[in-house]
PDB file of N, CA and C in Angstrom:
ATOM      1  N   MET A   1     -20.333  11.711  -0.060  1.00  0.00           N
ATOM      2  CA  MET A   1     -19.585  12.485   0.908  1.00  0.00           C
ATOM      3  C   MET A   1     -18.854  11.524   1.833  1.00  0.00           C
ATOM      4  N   GLU A   2     -17.650  11.927   2.263  1.00  0.00           N
ATOM      5  CA  GLU A   2     -16.861  11.098   3.168  1.00  0.00           C
ATOM      6  C   GLU A   2     -16.882  11.662   4.580  1.00  0.00           C
ATOM      7  N   TYR A   3     -16.808  10.748   5.532  1.00  0.00           N
ATOM      8  CA  TYR A   3     -16.794  11.114   6.943  1.00  0.00           C
ATOM      9  C   TYR A   3     -15.644  10.390   7.633  1.00  0.00           C
ATOM     10  N   THR A   4     -15.171  10.950   8.726  1.00  0.00           N
ATOM     11  CA  THR A   4     -14.121  10.341   9.528  1.00  0.00           C
ATOM     12  C   THR A   4     -14.701   9.977  10.884  1.00  0.00           C
ATOM     13  N   VAL A   5     -14.394   8.782  11.351  1.00  0.00           N
ATOM     14  CA  VAL A   5     -14.876   8.328  12.660  1.00  0.00           C
ATOM     15  C   VAL A   5     -14.097   9.058  13.751  1.00  0.00           C
ATOM     16  N   THR A   6     -14.835   9.662  14.702  1.00  0.00           N
ATOM     17  CA  THR A   6     -14.213  10.385  15.817  1.00  0.00           C
ATOM     18  C   THR A   6     -14.509   9.727  17.154  1.00  0.00           C
ATOM     19  N   SER A   7     -15.329   8.707  17.146  1.00  0.00           N
ATOM     20  CA  SER A   7     -15.740   8.023  18.373  1.00  0.00           C
ATOM     21  C   SER A   7     -14.732   6.957  18.770  1.00  0.00           C
ATOM     22  N   SER A   8     -14.718   6.626  20.050  1.00  0.00           N
ATOM     23  CA  SER A   8     -13.866   5.537  20.521  1.00  0.00           C
ATOM     24  C   SER A   8     -14.526   4.182  20.253  1.00  0.00           C
ATOM     25  N   LYS A   9     -15.791   4.212  19.837  1.00  0.00           N
ATOM     26  CA  LYS A   9     -16.524   2.992  19.516  1.00  0.00           C
ATOM     27  C   LYS A   9     -16.509   2.773  18.006  1.00  0.00           C
ATOM     28  N   LYS A  10     -16.737   1.537  17.584  1.00  0.00           N
ATOM     29  CA  LYS A  10     -16.807   1.227  16.159  1.00  0.00           C
ATOM     30  C   LYS A  10     -18.075   1.838  15.573  1.00  0.00           C
ATOM     31  N   VAL A  11     -17.932   2.415  14.401  1.00  0.00           N
ATOM     32  CA  VAL A  11     -19.077   2.970  13.674  1.00  0.00           C
ATOM     33  C   VAL A  11     -19.088   2.298  12.306  1.00  0.00           C
ATOM     34  N   CYS A  12     -20.106   1.495  12.056  1.00  0.00           N
ATOM     35  CA  CYS A  12     -20.247   0.769  10.791  1.00  0.00           C
ATOM     36  C   CYS A  12     -19.006  -0.059  10.483  1.00  0.00           C
ATOM     37  N   GLY A  13     -18.401  -0.634  11.515  1.00  0.00           N
ATOM     38  CA  GLY A  13     -17.235  -1.479  11.333  1.00  0.00           C
ATOM     39  C   GLY A  13     -15.915  -0.730  11.220  1.00  0.00           C
ATOM     40  N   LYS A  14     -15.939   0.581  11.355  1.00  0.00           N
ATOM     41  CA  LYS A  14     -14.720   1.392  11.260  1.00  0.00           C
ATOM     42  C   LYS A  14     -14.348   1.914  12.642  1.00  0.00           C
ATOM     43  N   ILE A  15     -13.039   2.074  12.876  1.00  0.00           N
ATOM     44  CA  ILE A  15     -12.570   2.580  14.167  1.00  0.00           C
ATOM     45  C   ILE A  15     -12.133   4.033  14.032  1.00  0.00           C
ATOM     46  N   ASN A  16     -11.776   4.637  15.140  1.00  0.00           N
ATOM     47  CA  ASN A  16     -11.397   6.052  15.197  1.00  0.00           C
ATOM     48  C   ASN A  16     -10.316   6.381  14.164  1.00  0.00           C
ATOM     49  N   GLY A  17     -10.574   7.416  13.372  1.00  0.00           N
ATOM     50  CA  GLY A  17      -9.623   7.874  12.372  1.00  0.00           C
ATOM     51  C   GLY A  17      -9.855   7.318  10.985  1.00  0.00           C
ATOM     52  N   GLU A  18     -10.623   6.252  10.855  1.00  0.00           N
ATOM     53  CA  GLU A  18     -10.882   5.674   9.538  1.00  0.00           C
ATOM     54  C   GLU A  18     -12.006   6.443   8.835  1.00  0.00           C
ATOM     55  N   LYS A  19     -11.993   6.381   7.519  1.00  0.00           N
ATOM     56  CA  LYS A  19     -13.000   7.090   6.730  1.00  0.00           C
ATOM     57  C   LYS A  19     -14.090   6.139   6.270  1.00  0.00           C
ATOM     58  N   LEU A  20     -15.288   6.685   6.145  1.00  0.00           N
ATOM     59  CA  LEU A  20     -16.401   5.942   5.606  1.00  0.00           C
ATOM     60  C   LEU A  20     -17.276   6.891   4.802  1.00  0.00           C
ATOM     61  N   THR A  21     -18.065   6.339   3.914  1.00  0.00           N
ATOM     62  CA  THR A  21     -18.912   7.145   3.048  1.00  0.00           C
ATOM     63  C   THR A  21     -20.355   7.117   3.540  1.00  0.00           C
ATOM     64  N   GLN A  22     -21.138   7.987   2.938  1.00  0.00           N
ATOM     65  CA  GLN A  22     -22.556   8.043   3.271  1.00  0.00           C
ATOM     66  C   GLN A  22     -23.219   6.711   2.927  1.00  0.00           C
ATOM     67  N   ASP A  23     -22.802   6.096   1.821  1.00  0.00           N
ATOM     68  CA  ASP A  23     -23.372   4.807   1.428  1.00  0.00           C
ATOM     69  C   ASP A  23     -23.042   3.716   2.447  1.00  0.00           C
ATOM     70  N   ASP A  24     -21.832   3.760   3.030  1.00  0.00           N
ATOM     71  CA  ASP A  24     -21.467   2.786   4.065  1.00  0.00           C
ATOM     72  C   ASP A  24     -22.414   2.889   5.263  1.00  0.00           C
ATOM     73  N   ILE A  25     -22.701   4.109   5.661  1.00  0.00           N
ATOM     74  CA  ILE A  25     -23.564   4.339   6.826  1.00  0.00           C
ATOM     75  C   ILE A  25     -24.990   3.898   6.541  1.00  0.00           C
ATOM     76  N   LEU A  26     -25.509   4.302   5.378  1.00  0.00           N
ATOM     77  CA  LEU A  26     -26.883   3.964   5.032  1.00  0.00           C
ATOM     78  C   LEU A  26     -27.068   2.464   4.833  1.00  0.00           C
ATOM     79  N   SER A  27     -26.080   1.789   4.215  1.00  0.00           N
ATOM     80  CA  SER A  27     -26.210   0.345   3.995  1.00  0.00           C
ATOM     81  C   SER A  27     -26.132  -0.426   5.312  1.00  0.00           C
ATOM     82  N   ALA A  28     -25.511   0.156   6.338  1.00  0.00           N
ATOM     83  CA  ALA A  28     -25.450  -0.488   7.658  1.00  0.00           C
ATOM     84  C   ALA A  28     -26.676  -0.147   8.494  1.00  0.00           C
ATOM     85  N   GLY A  29     -27.593   0.658   7.949  1.00  0.00           N
ATOM     86  CA  GLY A  29     -28.819   1.003   8.666  1.00  0.00           C
ATOM     87  C   GLY A  29     -28.663   2.193   9.591  1.00  0.00           C
ATOM     88  N   GLY A  30     -27.603   2.963   9.439  1.00  0.00           N
ATOM     89  CA  GLY A  30     -27.366   4.127  10.294  1.00  0.00           C
ATOM     90  C   GLY A  30     -27.934   5.404   9.704  1.00  0.00           C
ATOM     91  N   SER A  31     -27.861   6.460  10.492  1.00  0.00           N
ATOM     92  CA  SER A  31     -28.328   7.769  10.072  1.00  0.00           C
ATOM     93  C   SER A  31     -27.157   8.744  10.159  1.00  0.00           C
ATOM     94  N   VAL A  32     -26.830   9.362   9.042  1.00  0.00           N
ATOM     95  CA  VAL A  32     -25.714  10.301   8.991  1.00  0.00           C
ATOM     96  C   VAL A  32     -25.952  11.464   9.955  1.00  0.00           C
ATOM     97  N   GLU A  33     -27.169  11.994   9.949  1.00  0.00           N
ATOM     98  CA  GLU A  33     -27.492  13.136  10.810  1.00  0.00           C
ATOM     99  C   GLU A  33     -27.333  12.787  12.286  1.00  0.00           C
ATOM    100  N   HIS A  34     -27.780  11.591  12.654  1.00  0.00           N
ATOM    101  CA  HIS A  34     -27.678  11.158  14.058  1.00  0.00           C
ATOM    102  C   HIS A  34     -26.219  10.996  14.477  1.00  0.00           C
ATOM    103  N   LEU A  35     -25.416  10.372  13.630  1.00  0.00           N
ATOM    104  CA  LEU A  35     -24.006  10.151  13.962  1.00  0.00           C
ATOM    105  C   LEU A  35     -23.238  11.472  14.042  1.00  0.00           C
ATOM    106  N   LEU A  36     -23.576  12.418  13.169  1.00  0.00           N
ATOM    107  CA  LEU A  36     -22.942  13.743  13.224  1.00  0.00           C
ATOM    108  C   LEU A  36     -23.320  14.470  14.509  1.00  0.00           C
ATOM    109  N   ALA A  37     -24.629  14.444  14.840  1.00  0.00           N
ATOM    110  CA  ALA A  37     -25.115  15.152  16.031  1.00  0.00           C
ATOM    111  C   ALA A  37     -24.535  14.552  17.313  1.00  0.00           C
ATOM    112  N   ALA A  38     -24.345  13.237  17.330  1.00  0.00           N
ATOM    113  CA  ALA A  38     -23.821  12.572  18.517  1.00  0.00           C
ATOM    114  C   ALA A  38     -22.299  12.700  18.620  1.00  0.00           C
ATOM    115  N   GLY A  39     -21.652  13.186  17.570  1.00  0.00           N
ATOM    116  CA  GLY A  39     -20.206  13.362  17.594  1.00  0.00           C
ATOM    117  C   GLY A  39     -19.418  12.101  17.294  1.00  0.00           C
ATOM    118  N   HIS A  40     -20.073  11.113  16.714  1.00  0.00           N
ATOM    119  CA  HIS A  40     -19.378   9.869  16.379  1.00  0.00           C
ATOM    120  C   HIS A  40     -18.586   9.985  15.081  1.00  0.00           C
ATOM    121  N   ILE A  41     -19.018  10.881  14.198  1.00  0.00           N
ATOM    122  CA  ILE A  41     -18.323  11.105  12.933  1.00  0.00           C
ATOM    123  C   ILE A  41     -18.239  12.605  12.678  1.00  0.00           C
ATOM    124  N   LYS A  42     -17.353  12.982  11.760  1.00  0.00           N
ATOM    125  CA  LYS A  42     -17.288  14.369  11.288  1.00  0.00           C
ATOM    126  C   LYS A  42     -16.996  14.321   9.802  1.00  0.00           C
ATOM    127  N   GLU A  43     -17.263  15.416   9.115  1.00  0.00           N
ATOM    128  CA  GLU A  43     -16.994  15.466   7.685  1.00  0.00           C
ATOM    129  C   GLU A  43     -15.495  15.384   7.459  1.00  0.00           C
ATOM    130  N   ALA A  44     -15.105  14.568   6.497  1.00  0.00           N
ATOM    131  CA  ALA A  44     -13.683  14.397   6.192  1.00  0.00           C
ATOM    132  C   ALA A  44     -13.151  15.657   5.526  1.00  0.00           C
ATOM    133  N   VAL A  45     -11.935  15.996   5.883  1.00  0.00           N
ATOM    134  CA  VAL A  45     -11.288  17.164   5.308  1.00  0.00           C
ATOM    135  C   VAL A  45     -10.694  16.763   3.968  1.00  0.00           C
ATOM    136  N   LYS A  46     -11.037  17.523   2.941  1.00  0.00           N
ATOM    137  CA  LYS A  46     -10.496  17.244   1.624  1.00  0.00           C
ATOM    138  C   LYS A  46      -9.198  18.024   1.464  1.00  0.00           C
ATOM    139  N   THR A  47      -8.138  17.304   1.139  1.00  0.00           N
ATOM    140  CA  THR A  47      -6.852  17.958   0.929  1.00  0.00           C
ATOM    141  C   THR A  47      -6.681  18.248  -0.550  1.00  0.00           C
ATOM    142  N   PRO A  48      -6.213  19.430  -0.872  1.00  0.00           N
ATOM    143  CA  PRO A  48      -6.014  19.747  -2.285  1.00  0.00           C
ATOM    144  C   PRO A  48      -4.869  18.916  -2.864  1.00  0.00           C
ATOM    145  N   LYS A  49      -4.998  18.560  -4.114  1.00  0.00           N
ATOM    146  CA  LYS A  49      -3.959  17.774  -4.757  1.00  0.00           C
ATOM    147  C   LYS A  49      -2.768  18.678  -5.077  1.00  0.00           C
ATOM    148  N   ALA A  50      -1.600  18.116  -4.962  1.00  0.00           N
ATOM    149  CA  ALA A  50      -0.385  18.873  -5.254  1.00  0.00           C
ATOM    150  C   ALA A  50      -0.306  19.153  -6.742  1.00  0.00           C
ATOM    151  N   LYS A  51       0.092  20.374  -7.060  1.00  0.00           N
ATOM    152  CA  LYS A  51       0.214  20.767  -8.446  1.00  0.00           C
ATOM    153  C   LYS A  51       1.602  20.377  -8.939  1.00  0.00           C
ATOM    154  N   GLU A  52       1.644  19.679 -10.044  1.00  0.00           N
ATOM    155  CA  GLU A  52       2.926  19.222 -10.567  1.00  0.00           C
ATOM    156  C   GLU A  52       3.620  20.367 -11.286  1.00  0.00           C
ATOM    157  N   GLU A  53       4.874  20.599 -10.940  1.00  0.00           N
ATOM    158  CA  GLU A  53       5.637  21.677 -11.545  1.00  0.00           C
ATOM    159  C   GLU A  53       6.681  21.095 -12.476  1.00  0.00           C
ATOM    160  N   PRO A  54       7.027  21.826 -13.515  1.00  0.00           N
ATOM    161  CA  PRO A  54       8.033  21.316 -14.439  1.00  0.00           C
ATOM    162  C   PRO A  54       9.392  21.190 -13.754  1.00  0.00           C
ATOM    163  N   GLN A  55      10.176  20.222 -14.200  1.00  0.00           N
ATOM    164  CA  GLN A  55      11.480  19.988 -13.601  1.00  0.00           C
ATOM    165  C   GLN A  55      12.523  21.001 -14.073  1.00  0.00           C
ATOM    166  N   VAL A  56      12.341  21.569 -15.259  1.00  0.00           N
ATOM    167  CA  VAL A  56      13.293  22.535 -15.800  1.00  0.00           C
ATOM    168  C   VAL A  56      12.628  23.903 -15.813  1.00  0.00           C
ATOM    169  N   LEU A  57      13.346  24.898 -15.345  1.00  0.00           N
ATOM    170  CA  LEU A  57      12.805  26.247 -15.334  1.00  0.00           C
ATOM    171  C   LEU A  57      12.806  26.815 -16.742  1.00  0.00           C
ATOM    172  N   LYS A  58      11.772  27.559 -17.090  1.00  0.00           N
ATOM    173  CA  LYS A  58      11.661  28.132 -18.427  1.00  0.00           C
ATOM    174  C   LYS A  58      12.689  29.240 -18.642  1.00  0.00           C
ATOM    175  N   ASP A  59      13.055  29.954 -17.596  1.00  0.00           N
ATOM    176  CA  ASP A  59      13.982  31.069 -17.728  1.00  0.00           C
ATOM    177  C   ASP A  59      15.441  30.626 -17.746  1.00  0.00           C
ATOM    178  N   GLU A  60      15.684  29.344 -17.590  1.00  0.00           N
ATOM    179  CA  GLU A  60      17.048  28.846 -17.540  1.00  0.00           C
ATOM    180  C   GLU A  60      17.676  28.921 -18.932  1.00  0.00           C
ATOM    181  N   PRO A  61      18.856  29.547 -19.071  1.00  0.00           N
ATOM    182  CA  PRO A  61      19.483  29.648 -20.393  1.00  0.00           C
ATOM    183  C   PRO A  61      19.988  28.277 -20.846  1.00  0.00           C
ATOM    184  N   GLU A  62      20.148  28.149 -22.150  1.00  0.00           N
ATOM    185  CA  GLU A  62      20.647  26.886 -22.676  1.00  0.00           C
ATOM    186  C   GLU A  62      22.095  26.707 -22.253  1.00  0.00           C
ATOM    187  N   ALA A  63      22.468  25.503 -22.006  1.00  0.00           N
ATOM    188  CA  ALA A  63      23.832  25.205 -21.585  1.00  0.00           C
ATOM    189  C   ALA A  63      24.789  25.363 -22.763  1.00  0.00           C
ATOM    190  N   PHE A  64      26.015  25.812 -22.497  1.00  0.00           N
ATOM    191  CA  PHE A  64      27.028  25.955 -23.521  1.00  0.00           C
ATOM    192  C   PHE A  64      27.481  24.577 -23.964  1.00  0.00           C
ATOM    193  N   VAL A  65      27.504  24.360 -25.257  1.00  0.00           N
ATOM    194  CA  VAL A  65      27.940  23.088 -25.809  1.00  0.00           C
ATOM    195  C   VAL A  65      29.302  23.295 -26.438  1.00  0.00           C
ATOM    196  N   PHE A  66      30.287  22.563 -25.973  1.00  0.00           N
ATOM    197  CA  PHE A  66      31.638  22.659 -26.499  1.00  0.00           C
ATOM    198  C   PHE A  66      31.792  21.639 -27.615  1.00  0.00           C
ATOM    199  N   ASN A  67      32.018  22.112 -28.802  1.00  0.00           N
ATOM    200  CA  ASN A  67      32.223  21.202 -29.928  1.00  0.00           C
ATOM    201  C   ASN A  67      33.395  21.694 -30.774  1.00  0.00           C
ATOM    202  N   ASN A  68      33.674  21.014 -31.859  1.00  0.00           N
ATOM    203  CA  ASN A  68      34.827  21.365 -32.704  1.00  0.00           C
ATOM    204  C   ASN A  68      34.698  22.762 -33.293  1.00  0.00           C
ATOM    205  N   PHE A  69      33.511  23.162 -33.650  1.00  0.00           N
ATOM    206  CA  PHE A  69      33.310  24.478 -34.233  1.00  0.00           C
ATOM    207  C   PHE A  69      33.744  25.581 -33.258  1.00  0.00           C
ATOM    208  N   ASN A  70      33.311  25.472 -32.012  1.00  0.00           N
ATOM    209  CA  ASN A  70      33.678  26.457 -30.986  1.00  0.00           C
ATOM    210  C   ASN A  70      35.184  26.388 -30.681  1.00  0.00           C
ATOM    211  N   TYR A  71      35.737  25.219 -30.718  1.00  0.00           N
ATOM    212  CA  TYR A  71      37.159  25.032 -30.382  1.00  0.00           C
ATOM    213  C   TYR A  71      38.037  25.682 -31.453  1.00  0.00           C
ATOM    214  N   GLU A  72      37.656  25.499 -32.712  1.00  0.00           N
ATOM    215  CA  GLU A  72      38.438  26.077 -33.804  1.00  0.00           C
ATOM    216  C   GLU A  72      38.369  27.605 -33.785  1.00  0.00           C
ATOM    217  N   GLN A  73      37.255  28.161 -33.444  1.00  0.00           N
ATOM    218  CA  GLN A  73      37.124  29.611 -33.410  1.00  0.00           C
ATOM    219  C   GLN A  73      37.959  30.201 -32.269  1.00  0.00           C
ATOM    220  N   GLY A  74      38.076  29.502 -31.157  1.00  0.00           N
ATOM    221  CA  GLY A  74      38.795  30.008 -30.003  1.00  0.00           C
ATOM    222  C   GLY A  74      40.305  29.994 -30.205  1.00  0.00           C
ATOM    223  N   ASP A  75      40.844  29.155 -31.068  1.00  0.00           N
ATOM    224  CA  ASP A  75      42.289  29.051 -31.257  1.00  0.00           C
ATOM    225  C   ASP A  75      42.840  30.036 -32.276  1.00  0.00           C
ATOM    226  N   LYS A  76      42.057  30.754 -32.992  1.00  0.00           N
ATOM    227  CA  LYS A  76      42.549  31.659 -34.036  1.00  0.00           C
ATOM    228  C   LYS A  76      43.330  32.807 -33.493  1.00  0.00           C
TER     229      LYS A  76
END
């Protein structure tokens, strides 16, 4: 789980706004529950990943191609 530092003091070597993991806190000898209760960290907000959309619309009609066949038919 990821957490964001909300304190004005350094938490496990991180400053306000930086993210740290549960492993970072535990390896530094800290307690996640204590830091949460004291307001030094909060759970990081997970942002949803952007969904990639196709560049060409499926409903778009095919473009007209002008070639010799079409040109000859138009001159008759």
